[in-house]
Amino acid sequence: MNSPLFAAAGIAAAMLLSACASNTPAPTAATNVASAGVMYCHKDRLYTAGNELVCNWTSSVAEACRDTAPTSRLATGAVSGAPTEATRCASGVWLVQATRRNAG
């Protein structure tokens, strides 16, 4: 019963289960890759410091939901209006989006 074949099968099963248990967000109706100029971040991390929007800004919904981006800043003059609600991650976290103004 304790043959190498059973051990190998157990290891393979464990690897398959761990691959399925990733924390990658499920695709949503919203685009997972942002269109040019759109930035996303966690709604509960957004705050204003002077004339900058401080958050964990990323260029895609999927990346923002993974929550691996460091805190960064966007100048309020570099975006078109205030950040708006974007979508909700599979984890339940709400994202906001800000559209960068075109340079020029």
PDB file of N, CA and C in Angstrom:
ATOM      1  N   MET A   1       0.802  -1.198   0.000  1.00  0.00           N
ATOM      2  CA  MET A   1       0.000   0.000   0.000  1.00  0.00           C
ATOM      3  C   MET A   1       0.843   1.259   0.000  1.00  0.00           C
ATOM      4  N   ASN A   2       2.013   1.272   0.595  1.00  0.00           N
ATOM      5  CA  ASN A   2       2.860   2.453   0.643  1.00  0.00           C
ATOM      6  C   ASN A   2       3.869   2.433  -0.493  1.00  0.00           C
ATOM      7  N   SER A   3       3.434   2.171  -1.692  1.00  0.00           N
ATOM      8  CA  SER A   3       4.341   2.085  -2.835  1.00  0.00           C
ATOM      9  C   SER A   3       4.685   3.478  -3.348  1.00  0.00           C
ATOM     10  N   PRO A   4       5.765   3.589  -4.102  1.00  0.00           N
ATOM     11  CA  PRO A   4       6.134   4.883  -4.696  1.00  0.00           C
ATOM     12  C   PRO A   4       5.051   5.418  -5.630  1.00  0.00           C
ATOM     13  N   LEU A   5       4.267   4.519  -6.229  1.00  0.00           N
ATOM     14  CA  LEU A   5       3.205   4.954  -7.127  1.00  0.00           C
ATOM     15  C   LEU A   5       2.128   5.734  -6.369  1.00  0.00           C
ATOM     16  N   PHE A   6       1.746   5.250  -5.170  1.00  0.00           N
ATOM     17  CA  PHE A   6       0.763   5.960  -4.356  1.00  0.00           C
ATOM     18  C   PHE A   6       1.313   7.314  -3.897  1.00  0.00           C
ATOM     19  N   ALA A   7       2.584   7.363  -3.550  1.00  0.00           N
ATOM     20  CA  ALA A   7       3.199   8.620  -3.126  1.00  0.00           C
ATOM     21  C   ALA A   7       3.187   9.631  -4.266  1.00  0.00           C
ATOM     22  N   ALA A   8       3.531   9.168  -5.469  1.00  0.00           N
ATOM     23  CA  ALA A   8       3.549  10.057  -6.630  1.00  0.00           C
ATOM     24  C   ALA A   8       2.145  10.562  -6.941  1.00  0.00           C
ATOM     25  N   ALA A   9       1.150   9.681  -6.820  1.00  0.00           N
ATOM     26  CA  ALA A   9      -0.231  10.082  -7.078  1.00  0.00           C
ATOM     27  C   ALA A   9      -0.688  11.121  -6.052  1.00  0.00           C
ATOM     28  N   GLY A  10      -0.286  10.951  -4.812  1.00  0.00           N
ATOM     29  CA  GLY A  10      -0.638  11.915  -3.770  1.00  0.00           C
ATOM     30  C   GLY A  10      -0.021  13.273  -4.016  1.00  0.00           C
ATOM     31  N   ILE A  11       1.223  13.283  -4.435  1.00  0.00           N
ATOM     32  CA  ILE A  11       1.915  14.544  -4.733  1.00  0.00           C
ATOM     33  C   ILE A  11       1.245  15.237  -5.921  1.00  0.00           C
ATOM     34  N   ALA A  12       0.916  14.471  -6.959  1.00  0.00           N
ATOM     35  CA  ALA A  12       0.273  15.049  -8.138  1.00  0.00           C
ATOM     36  C   ALA A  12      -1.086  15.648  -7.764  1.00  0.00           C
ATOM     37  N   ALA A  13      -1.848  14.944  -6.926  1.00  0.00           N
ATOM     38  CA  ALA A  13      -3.152  15.454  -6.507  1.00  0.00           C
ATOM     39  C   ALA A  13      -3.003  16.747  -5.709  1.00  0.00           C
ATOM     40  N   ALA A  14      -2.005  16.799  -4.829  1.00  0.00           N
ATOM     41  CA  ALA A  14      -1.779  18.003  -4.033  1.00  0.00           C
ATOM     42  C   ALA A  14      -1.401  19.181  -4.925  1.00  0.00           C
ATOM     43  N   MET A  15      -0.603  18.925  -5.946  1.00  0.00           N
ATOM     44  CA  MET A  15      -0.198  20.000  -6.862  1.00  0.00           C
ATOM     45  C   MET A  15      -1.411  20.524  -7.635  1.00  0.00           C
ATOM     46  N   LEU A  16      -2.287  19.624  -8.074  1.00  0.00           N
ATOM     47  CA  LEU A  16      -3.483  20.064  -8.794  1.00  0.00           C
ATOM     48  C   LEU A  16      -4.388  20.907  -7.910  1.00  0.00           C
ATOM     49  N   LEU A  17      -4.579  20.495  -6.664  1.00  0.00           N
ATOM     50  CA  LEU A  17      -5.416  21.256  -5.744  1.00  0.00           C
ATOM     51  C   LEU A  17      -4.832  22.622  -5.455  1.00  0.00           C
ATOM     52  N   SER A  18      -3.520  22.702  -5.289  1.00  0.00           N
ATOM     53  CA  SER A  18      -2.917  24.001  -4.990  1.00  0.00           C
ATOM     54  C   SER A  18      -3.018  24.940  -6.186  1.00  0.00           C
ATOM     55  N   ALA A  19      -2.967  24.389  -7.391  1.00  0.00           N
ATOM     56  CA  ALA A  19      -3.107  25.229  -8.582  1.00  0.00           C
ATOM     57  C   ALA A  19      -4.516  25.798  -8.679  1.00  0.00           C
ATOM     58  N   CYS A  20      -5.511  25.034  -8.264  1.00  0.00           N
ATOM     59  CA  CYS A  20      -6.894  25.499  -8.320  1.00  0.00           C
ATOM     60  C   CYS A  20      -7.211  26.508  -7.227  1.00  0.00           C
ATOM     61  N   ALA A  21      -6.435  26.538  -6.177  1.00  0.00           N
ATOM     62  CA  ALA A  21      -6.727  27.396  -5.031  1.00  0.00           C
ATOM     63  C   ALA A  21      -5.987  28.717  -5.093  1.00  0.00           C
ATOM     64  N   SER A  22      -5.690  29.213  -6.278  1.00  0.00           N
ATOM     65  CA  SER A  22      -4.970  30.483  -6.376  1.00  0.00           C
ATOM     66  C   SER A  22      -5.886  31.621  -5.972  1.00  0.00           C
ATOM     67  N   ASN A  23      -5.314  32.775  -5.657  1.00  0.00           N
ATOM     68  CA  ASN A  23      -6.125  33.928  -5.266  1.00  0.00           C
ATOM     69  C   ASN A  23      -6.291  34.906  -6.414  1.00  0.00           C
ATOM     70  N   THR A  24      -6.126  34.429  -7.652  1.00  0.00           N
ATOM     71  CA  THR A  24      -6.331  35.272  -8.813  1.00  0.00           C
ATOM     72  C   THR A  24      -7.817  35.563  -8.948  1.00  0.00           C
ATOM     73  N   PRO A  25      -8.186  36.803  -9.188  1.00  0.00           N
ATOM     74  CA  PRO A  25      -9.599  37.135  -9.253  1.00  0.00           C
ATOM     75  C   PRO A  25     -10.275  36.471 -10.443  1.00  0.00           C
ATOM     76  N   ALA A  26     -11.525  36.170 -10.291  1.00  0.00           N
ATOM     77  CA  ALA A  26     -12.306  35.622 -11.383  1.00  0.00           C
ATOM     78  C   ALA A  26     -12.574  36.723 -12.394  1.00  0.00           C
ATOM     79  N   PRO A  27     -12.608  36.386 -13.681  1.00  0.00           N
ATOM     80  CA  PRO A  27     -12.918  37.412 -14.677  1.00  0.00           C
ATOM     81  C   PRO A  27     -14.298  37.994 -14.408  1.00  0.00           C
ATOM     82  N   THR A  28     -14.432  39.282 -14.658  1.00  0.00           N
ATOM     83  CA  THR A  28     -15.712  39.959 -14.448  1.00  0.00           C
ATOM     84  C   THR A  28     -16.181  40.531 -15.763  1.00  0.00           C
ATOM     85  N   ALA A  29     -17.333  41.137 -15.741  1.00  0.00           N
ATOM     86  CA  ALA A  29     -17.859  41.771 -16.947  1.00  0.00           C
ATOM     87  C   ALA A  29     -16.989  42.957 -17.347  1.00  0.00           C
ATOM     88  N   ALA A  30     -16.315  43.547 -16.375  1.00  0.00           N
ATOM     89  CA  ALA A  30     -15.424  44.670 -16.678  1.00  0.00           C
ATOM     90  C   ALA A  30     -14.185  44.140 -17.392  1.00  0.00           C
ATOM     91  N   THR A  31     -13.526  45.010 -18.122  1.00  0.00           N
ATOM     92  CA  THR A  31     -12.327  44.582 -18.824  1.00  0.00           C
ATOM     93  C   THR A  31     -11.229  44.251 -17.833  1.00  0.00           C
ATOM     94  N   ASN A  32     -10.502  43.175 -18.088  1.00  0.00           N
ATOM     95  CA  ASN A  32      -9.401  42.797 -17.217  1.00  0.00           C
ATOM     96  C   ASN A  32      -8.115  43.522 -17.605  1.00  0.00           C
ATOM     97  N   VAL A  33      -8.048  44.031 -18.800  1.00  0.00           N
ATOM     98  CA  VAL A  33      -6.897  44.837 -19.206  1.00  0.00           C
ATOM     99  C   VAL A  33      -7.437  46.228 -19.496  1.00  0.00           C
ATOM    100  N   ALA A  34      -6.897  47.177 -18.825  1.00  0.00           N
ATOM    101  CA  ALA A  34      -7.406  48.547 -18.930  1.00  0.00           C
ATOM    102  C   ALA A  34      -7.152  49.124 -20.310  1.00  0.00           C
ATOM    103  N   SER A  35      -8.069  49.944 -20.761  1.00  0.00           N
ATOM    104  CA  SER A  35      -7.827  50.691 -21.980  1.00  0.00           C
ATOM    105  C   SER A  35      -6.790  51.759 -21.659  1.00  0.00           C
ATOM    106  N   ALA A  36      -6.173  52.292 -22.676  1.00  0.00           N
ATOM    107  CA  ALA A  36      -5.095  53.256 -22.487  1.00  0.00           C
ATOM    108  C   ALA A  36      -5.545  54.413 -21.604  1.00  0.00           C
ATOM    109  N   GLY A  37      -4.737  54.721 -20.619  1.00  0.00           N
ATOM    110  CA  GLY A  37      -4.994  55.877 -19.792  1.00  0.00           C
ATOM    111  C   GLY A  37      -5.841  55.641 -18.567  1.00  0.00           C
ATOM    112  N   VAL A  38      -6.377  54.441 -18.358  1.00  0.00           N
ATOM    113  CA  VAL A  38      -7.209  54.173 -17.192  1.00  0.00           C
ATOM    114  C   VAL A  38      -6.377  53.461 -16.132  1.00  0.00           C
ATOM    115  N   MET A  39      -6.495  53.937 -14.899  1.00  0.00           N
ATOM    116  CA  MET A  39      -5.768  53.351 -13.766  1.00  0.00           C
ATOM    117  C   MET A  39      -6.782  52.893 -12.726  1.00  0.00           C
ATOM    118  N   TYR A  40      -6.462  51.785 -12.050  1.00  0.00           N
ATOM    119  CA  TYR A  40      -7.366  51.214 -11.045  1.00  0.00           C
ATOM    120  C   TYR A  40      -6.663  51.091  -9.702  1.00  0.00           C
ATOM    121  N   CYS A  41      -7.448  51.168  -8.614  1.00  0.00           N
ATOM    122  CA  CYS A  41      -6.893  50.947  -7.280  1.00  0.00           C
ATOM    123  C   CYS A  41      -8.006  50.573  -6.310  1.00  0.00           C
ATOM    124  N   HIS A  42      -7.628  50.098  -5.133  1.00  0.00           N
ATOM    125  CA  HIS A  42      -8.582  49.735  -4.089  1.00  0.00           C
ATOM    126  C   HIS A  42      -9.249  50.995  -3.558  1.00  0.00           C
ATOM    127  N   LYS A  43     -10.568  51.000  -3.554  1.00  0.00           N
ATOM    128  CA  LYS A  43     -11.329  52.158  -3.102  1.00  0.00           C
ATOM    129  C   LYS A  43     -10.973  52.556  -1.670  1.00  0.00           C
ATOM    130  N   ASP A  44     -10.772  51.553  -0.801  1.00  0.00           N
ATOM    131  CA  ASP A  44     -10.497  51.854   0.604  1.00  0.00           C
ATOM    132  C   ASP A  44      -9.067  52.322   0.859  1.00  0.00           C
ATOM    133  N   ARG A  45      -8.225  52.313  -0.163  1.00  0.00           N
ATOM    134  CA  ARG A  45      -6.846  52.800  -0.001  1.00  0.00           C
ATOM    135  C   ARG A  45      -6.625  54.177  -0.606  1.00  0.00           C
ATOM    136  N   LEU A  46      -7.603  54.688  -1.295  1.00  0.00           N
ATOM    137  CA  LEU A  46      -7.475  55.977  -1.981  1.00  0.00           C
ATOM    138  C   LEU A  46      -7.592  57.138  -1.008  1.00  0.00           C
ATOM    139  N   TYR A  47      -6.631  58.038  -1.087  1.00  0.00           N
ATOM    140  CA  TYR A  47      -6.733  59.291  -0.336  1.00  0.00           C
ATOM    141  C   TYR A  47      -6.015  60.386  -1.103  1.00  0.00           C
ATOM    142  N   THR A  48      -6.309  61.629  -0.731  1.00  0.00           N
ATOM    143  CA  THR A  48      -5.703  62.787  -1.388  1.00  0.00           C
ATOM    144  C   THR A  48      -4.644  63.376  -0.477  1.00  0.00           C
ATOM    145  N   ALA A  49      -3.494  63.666  -1.048  1.00  0.00           N
ATOM    146  CA  ALA A  49      -2.404  64.330  -0.330  1.00  0.00           C
ATOM    147  C   ALA A  49      -2.000  65.534  -1.172  1.00  0.00           C
ATOM    148  N   GLY A  50      -2.427  66.706  -0.737  1.00  0.00           N
ATOM    149  CA  GLY A  50      -2.154  67.908  -1.535  1.00  0.00           C
ATOM    150  C   GLY A  50      -2.903  67.823  -2.849  1.00  0.00           C
ATOM    151  N   ASN A  51      -2.161  67.875  -3.951  1.00  0.00           N
ATOM    152  CA  ASN A  51      -2.795  67.777  -5.265  1.00  0.00           C
ATOM    153  C   ASN A  51      -2.521  66.425  -5.923  1.00  0.00           C
ATOM    154  N   GLU A  52      -2.413  65.374  -5.094  1.00  0.00           N
ATOM    155  CA  GLU A  52      -2.145  64.040  -5.616  1.00  0.00           C
ATOM    156  C   GLU A  52      -3.157  63.027  -5.074  1.00  0.00           C
ATOM    157  N   LEU A  53      -3.496  62.050  -5.915  1.00  0.00           N
ATOM    158  CA  LEU A  53      -4.328  60.922  -5.520  1.00  0.00           C
ATOM    159  C   LEU A  53      -3.384  59.773  -5.187  1.00  0.00           C
ATOM    160  N   VAL A  54      -3.397  59.336  -3.943  1.00  0.00           N
ATOM    161  CA  VAL A  54      -2.477  58.302  -3.481  1.00  0.00           C
ATOM    162  C   VAL A  54      -3.259  56.996  -3.349  1.00  0.00           C
ATOM    163  N   CYS A  55      -2.725  55.929  -3.941  1.00  0.00           N
ATOM    164  CA  CYS A  55      -3.396  54.635  -3.910  1.00  0.00           C
ATOM    165  C   CYS A  55      -2.442  53.570  -4.466  1.00  0.00           C
ATOM    166  N   ASN A  56      -2.925  52.330  -4.565  1.00  0.00           N
ATOM    167  CA  ASN A  56      -2.132  51.263  -5.180  1.00  0.00           C
ATOM    168  C   ASN A  56      -2.520  51.173  -6.660  1.00  0.00           C
ATOM    169  N   TRP A  57      -2.200  52.190  -7.426  1.00  0.00           N
ATOM    170  CA  TRP A  57      -2.603  52.329  -8.822  1.00  0.00           C
ATOM    171  C   TRP A  57      -1.980  51.265  -9.704  1.00  0.00           C
ATOM    172  N   THR A  58      -2.804  50.689 -10.595  1.00  0.00           N
ATOM    173  CA  THR A  58      -2.337  49.744 -11.614  1.00  0.00           C
ATOM    174  C   THR A  58      -3.083  50.033 -12.912  1.00  0.00           C
ATOM    175  N   SER A  59      -2.637  49.431 -13.984  1.00  0.00           N
ATOM    176  CA  SER A  59      -3.285  49.672 -15.271  1.00  0.00           C
ATOM    177  C   SER A  59      -4.287  48.586 -15.649  1.00  0.00           C
ATOM    178  N   SER A  60      -4.549  47.615 -14.758  1.00  0.00           N
ATOM    179  CA  SER A  60      -5.543  46.587 -15.077  1.00  0.00           C
ATOM    180  C   SER A  60      -6.351  46.206 -13.844  1.00  0.00           C
ATOM    181  N   VAL A  61      -7.577  45.774 -14.081  1.00  0.00           N
ATOM    182  CA  VAL A  61      -8.453  45.315 -13.005  1.00  0.00           C
ATOM    183  C   VAL A  61      -7.835  44.100 -12.317  1.00  0.00           C
ATOM    184  N   ALA A  62      -7.365  43.147 -13.111  1.00  0.00           N
ATOM    185  CA  ALA A  62      -6.806  41.914 -12.543  1.00  0.00           C
ATOM    186  C   ALA A  62      -5.630  42.209 -11.621  1.00  0.00           C
ATOM    187  N   GLU A  63      -4.748  43.099 -12.050  1.00  0.00           N
ATOM    188  CA  GLU A  63      -3.582  43.450 -11.235  1.00  0.00           C
ATOM    189  C   GLU A  63      -4.007  44.163  -9.946  1.00  0.00           C
ATOM    190  N   ALA A  64      -4.982  45.044 -10.046  1.00  0.00           N
ATOM    191  CA  ALA A  64      -5.464  45.747  -8.855  1.00  0.00           C
ATOM    192  C   ALA A  64      -6.096  44.761  -7.871  1.00  0.00           C
ATOM    193  N   CYS A  65      -6.833  43.796  -8.378  1.00  0.00           N
ATOM    194  CA  CYS A  65      -7.458  42.798  -7.504  1.00  0.00           C
ATOM    195  C   CYS A  65      -6.428  41.896  -6.836  1.00  0.00           C
ATOM    196  N   ARG A  66      -5.302  41.640  -7.515  1.00  0.00           N
ATOM    197  CA  ARG A  66      -4.240  40.823  -6.897  1.00  0.00           C
ATOM    198  C   ARG A  66      -3.596  41.535  -5.717  1.00  0.00           C
ATOM    199  N   ASP A  67      -3.702  42.851  -5.676  1.00  0.00           N
ATOM    200  CA  ASP A  67      -3.199  43.651  -4.551  1.00  0.00           C
ATOM    201  C   ASP A  67      -1.696  43.490  -4.326  1.00  0.00           C
ATOM    202  N   THR A  68      -0.940  43.569  -5.396  1.00  0.00           N
ATOM    203  CA  THR A  68       0.514  43.475  -5.282  1.00  0.00           C
ATOM    204  C   THR A  68       1.214  44.784  -5.636  1.00  0.00           C
ATOM    205  N   ALA A  69       0.458  45.763  -6.110  1.00  0.00           N
ATOM    206  CA  ALA A  69       1.060  47.030  -6.532  1.00  0.00           C
ATOM    207  C   ALA A  69       1.426  47.879  -5.322  1.00  0.00           C
ATOM    208  N   PRO A  70       2.580  48.512  -5.383  1.00  0.00           N
ATOM    209  CA  PRO A  70       2.954  49.433  -4.294  1.00  0.00           C
ATOM    210  C   PRO A  70       2.131  50.714  -4.380  1.00  0.00           C
ATOM    211  N   THR A  71       2.114  51.465  -3.315  1.00  0.00           N
ATOM    212  CA  THR A  71       1.417  52.750  -3.301  1.00  0.00           C
ATOM    213  C   THR A  71       2.105  53.697  -4.272  1.00  0.00           C
ATOM    214  N   SER A  72       1.306  54.394  -5.058  1.00  0.00           N
ATOM    215  CA  SER A  72       1.845  55.371  -5.994  1.00  0.00           C
ATOM    216  C   SER A  72       0.916  56.576  -6.030  1.00  0.00           C
ATOM    217  N   ARG A  73       1.332  57.615  -6.741  1.00  0.00           N
ATOM    218  CA  ARG A  73       0.606  58.886  -6.756  1.00  0.00           C
ATOM    219  C   ARG A  73       0.285  59.302  -8.183  1.00  0.00           C
ATOM    220  N   LEU A  74      -0.902  59.879  -8.338  1.00  0.00           N
ATOM    221  CA  LEU A  74      -1.303  60.510  -9.592  1.00  0.00           C
ATOM    222  C   LEU A  74      -1.627  61.956  -9.282  1.00  0.00           C
ATOM    223  N   ALA A  75      -1.067  62.871 -10.036  1.00  0.00           N
ATOM    224  CA  ALA A  75      -1.391  64.286  -9.850  1.00  0.00           C
ATOM    225  C   ALA A  75      -2.842  64.505 -10.252  1.00  0.00           C
ATOM    226  N   THR A  76      -3.591  65.263  -9.454  1.00  0.00           N
ATOM    227  CA  THR A  76      -5.004  65.504  -9.767  1.00  0.00           C
ATOM    228  C   THR A  76      -5.167  66.212 -11.107  1.00  0.00           C
ATOM    229  N   GLY A  77      -4.195  67.019 -11.486  1.00  0.00           N
ATOM    230  CA  GLY A  77      -4.241  67.689 -12.781  1.00  0.00           C
ATOM    231  C   GLY A  77      -3.972  66.768 -13.952  1.00  0.00           C
ATOM    232  N   ALA A  78      -3.490  65.562 -13.687  1.00  0.00           N
ATOM    233  CA  ALA A  78      -3.172  64.610 -14.745  1.00  0.00           C
ATOM    234  C   ALA A  78      -4.324  63.650 -15.036  1.00  0.00           C
ATOM    235  N   VAL A  79      -5.422  63.771 -14.281  1.00  0.00           N
ATOM    236  CA  VAL A  79      -6.568  62.889 -14.502  1.00  0.00           C
ATOM    237  C   VAL A  79      -7.804  63.703 -14.865  1.00  0.00           C
ATOM    238  N   SER A  80      -8.706  63.064 -15.566  1.00  0.00           N
ATOM    239  CA  SER A  80      -9.952  63.721 -15.981  1.00  0.00           C
ATOM    240  C   SER A  80     -11.008  63.530 -14.906  1.00  0.00           C
ATOM    241  N   GLY A  81     -11.124  64.489 -14.037  1.00  0.00           N
ATOM    242  CA  GLY A  81     -12.127  64.425 -12.981  1.00  0.00           C
ATOM    243  C   GLY A  81     -11.716  63.548 -11.813  1.00  0.00           C
ATOM    244  N   ALA A  82     -12.653  63.356 -10.906  1.00  0.00           N
ATOM    245  CA  ALA A  82     -12.403  62.552  -9.710  1.00  0.00           C
ATOM    246  C   ALA A  82     -12.482  61.067 -10.048  1.00  0.00           C
ATOM    247  N   PRO A  83     -11.797  60.228  -9.283  1.00  0.00           N
ATOM    248  CA  PRO A  83     -11.913  58.777  -9.488  1.00  0.00           C
ATOM    249  C   PRO A  83     -13.370  58.332  -9.314  1.00  0.00           C
ATOM    250  N   THR A  84     -13.765  57.346 -10.093  1.00  0.00           N
ATOM    251  CA  THR A  84     -15.127  56.826 -10.036  1.00  0.00           C
ATOM    252  C   THR A  84     -15.102  55.335  -9.724  1.00  0.00           C
ATOM    253  N   GLU A  85     -16.219  54.839  -9.198  1.00  0.00           N
ATOM    254  CA  GLU A  85     -16.323  53.417  -8.886  1.00  0.00           C
ATOM    255  C   GLU A  85     -16.158  52.609 -10.167  1.00  0.00           C
ATOM    256  N   ALA A  86     -15.361  51.526 -10.093  1.00  0.00           N
ATOM    257  CA  ALA A  86     -15.085  50.736 -11.288  1.00  0.00           C
ATOM    258  C   ALA A  86     -15.789  49.384 -11.244  1.00  0.00           C
ATOM    259  N   THR A  87     -15.330  48.496 -10.411  1.00  0.00           N
ATOM    260  CA  THR A  87     -15.869  47.139 -10.323  1.00  0.00           C
ATOM    261  C   THR A  87     -15.499  46.553  -8.976  1.00  0.00           C
ATOM    262  N   ARG A  88     -15.955  45.369  -8.740  1.00  0.00           N
ATOM    263  CA  ARG A  88     -15.670  44.678  -7.480  1.00  0.00           C
ATOM    264  C   ARG A  88     -14.870  43.426  -7.768  1.00  0.00           C
ATOM    265  N   CYS A  89     -13.810  43.198  -7.005  1.00  0.00           N
ATOM    266  CA  CYS A  89     -12.981  42.002  -7.154  1.00  0.00           C
ATOM    267  C   CYS A  89     -13.723  40.788  -6.588  1.00  0.00           C
ATOM    268  N   ALA A  90     -13.300  39.602  -6.971  1.00  0.00           N
ATOM    269  CA  ALA A  90     -13.884  38.368  -6.442  1.00  0.00           C
ATOM    270  C   ALA A  90     -13.762  38.312  -4.921  1.00  0.00           C
ATOM    271  N   SER A  91     -12.761  38.980  -4.367  1.00  0.00           N
ATOM    272  CA  SER A  91     -12.544  39.002  -2.917  1.00  0.00           C
ATOM    273  C   SER A  91     -13.530  39.916  -2.195  1.00  0.00           C
ATOM    274  N   GLY A  92     -14.282  40.720  -2.959  1.00  0.00           N
ATOM    275  CA  GLY A  92     -15.232  41.648  -2.366  1.00  0.00           C
ATOM    276  C   GLY A  92     -14.727  43.075  -2.297  1.00  0.00           C
ATOM    277  N   VAL A  93     -13.477  43.307  -2.621  1.00  0.00           N
ATOM    278  CA  VAL A  93     -12.888  44.649  -2.583  1.00  0.00           C
ATOM    279  C   VAL A  93     -13.379  45.460  -3.772  1.00  0.00           C
ATOM    280  N   TRP A  94     -13.815  46.684  -3.500  1.00  0.00           N
ATOM    281  CA  TRP A  94     -14.233  47.596  -4.563  1.00  0.00           C
ATOM    282  C   TRP A  94     -13.029  48.335  -5.130  1.00  0.00           C
ATOM    283  N   LEU A  95     -13.038  48.530  -6.447  1.00  0.00           N
ATOM    284  CA  LEU A  95     -12.003  49.306  -7.122  1.00  0.00           C
ATOM    285  C   LEU A  95     -12.590  50.620  -7.607  1.00  0.00           C
ATOM    286  N   VAL A  96     -11.726  51.610  -7.703  1.00  0.00           N
ATOM    287  CA  VAL A  96     -12.064  52.861  -8.367  1.00  0.00           C
ATOM    288  C   VAL A  96     -11.161  53.000  -9.576  1.00  0.00           C
ATOM    289  N   GLN A  97     -11.558  53.864 -10.490  1.00  0.00           N
ATOM    290  CA  GLN A  97     -10.733  54.106 -11.667  1.00  0.00           C
ATOM    291  C   GLN A  97     -10.549  55.595 -11.869  1.00  0.00           C
ATOM    292  N   ALA A  98      -9.417  55.929 -12.433  1.00  0.00           N
ATOM    293  CA  ALA A  98      -9.120  57.318 -12.809  1.00  0.00           C
ATOM    294  C   ALA A  98      -8.600  57.295 -14.229  1.00  0.00           C
ATOM    295  N   THR A  99      -9.097  58.193 -15.043  1.00  0.00           N
ATOM    296  CA  THR A  99      -8.672  58.272 -16.436  1.00  0.00           C
ATOM    297  C   THR A  99      -7.647  59.383 -16.577  1.00  0.00           C
ATOM    298  N   ARG A 100      -6.475  59.002 -17.057  1.00  0.00           N
ATOM    299  CA  ARG A 100      -5.406  59.997 -17.246  1.00  0.00           C
ATOM    300  C   ARG A 100      -5.717  60.861 -18.462  1.00  0.00           C
ATOM    301  N   ARG A 101      -5.393  62.130 -18.335  1.00  0.00           N
ATOM    302  CA  ARG A 101      -5.548  63.063 -19.451  1.00  0.00           C
ATOM    303  C   ARG A 101      -4.495  62.739 -20.499  1.00  0.00           C
ATOM    304  N   ASN A 102      -4.828  63.031 -21.742  1.00  0.00           N
ATOM    305  CA  ASN A 102      -3.853  62.871 -22.813  1.00  0.00           C
ATOM    306  C   ASN A 102      -2.782  63.943 -22.689  1.00  0.00           C
ATOM    307  N   ALA A 103      -1.543  63.548 -22.867  1.00  0.00           N
ATOM    308  CA  ALA A 103      -0.443  64.518 -22.829  1.00  0.00           C
ATOM    309  C   ALA A 103      -0.494  65.332 -24.118  1.00  0.00           C
ATOM    310  N   GLY A 104      -0.542  66.615 -23.977  1.00  0.00           N
ATOM    311  CA  GLY A 104      -0.500  67.446 -25.160  1.00  0.00           C
ATOM    312  C   GLY A 104      -1.608  68.358 -25.339  1.00  0.00           C
TER     313      GLY A 104
END
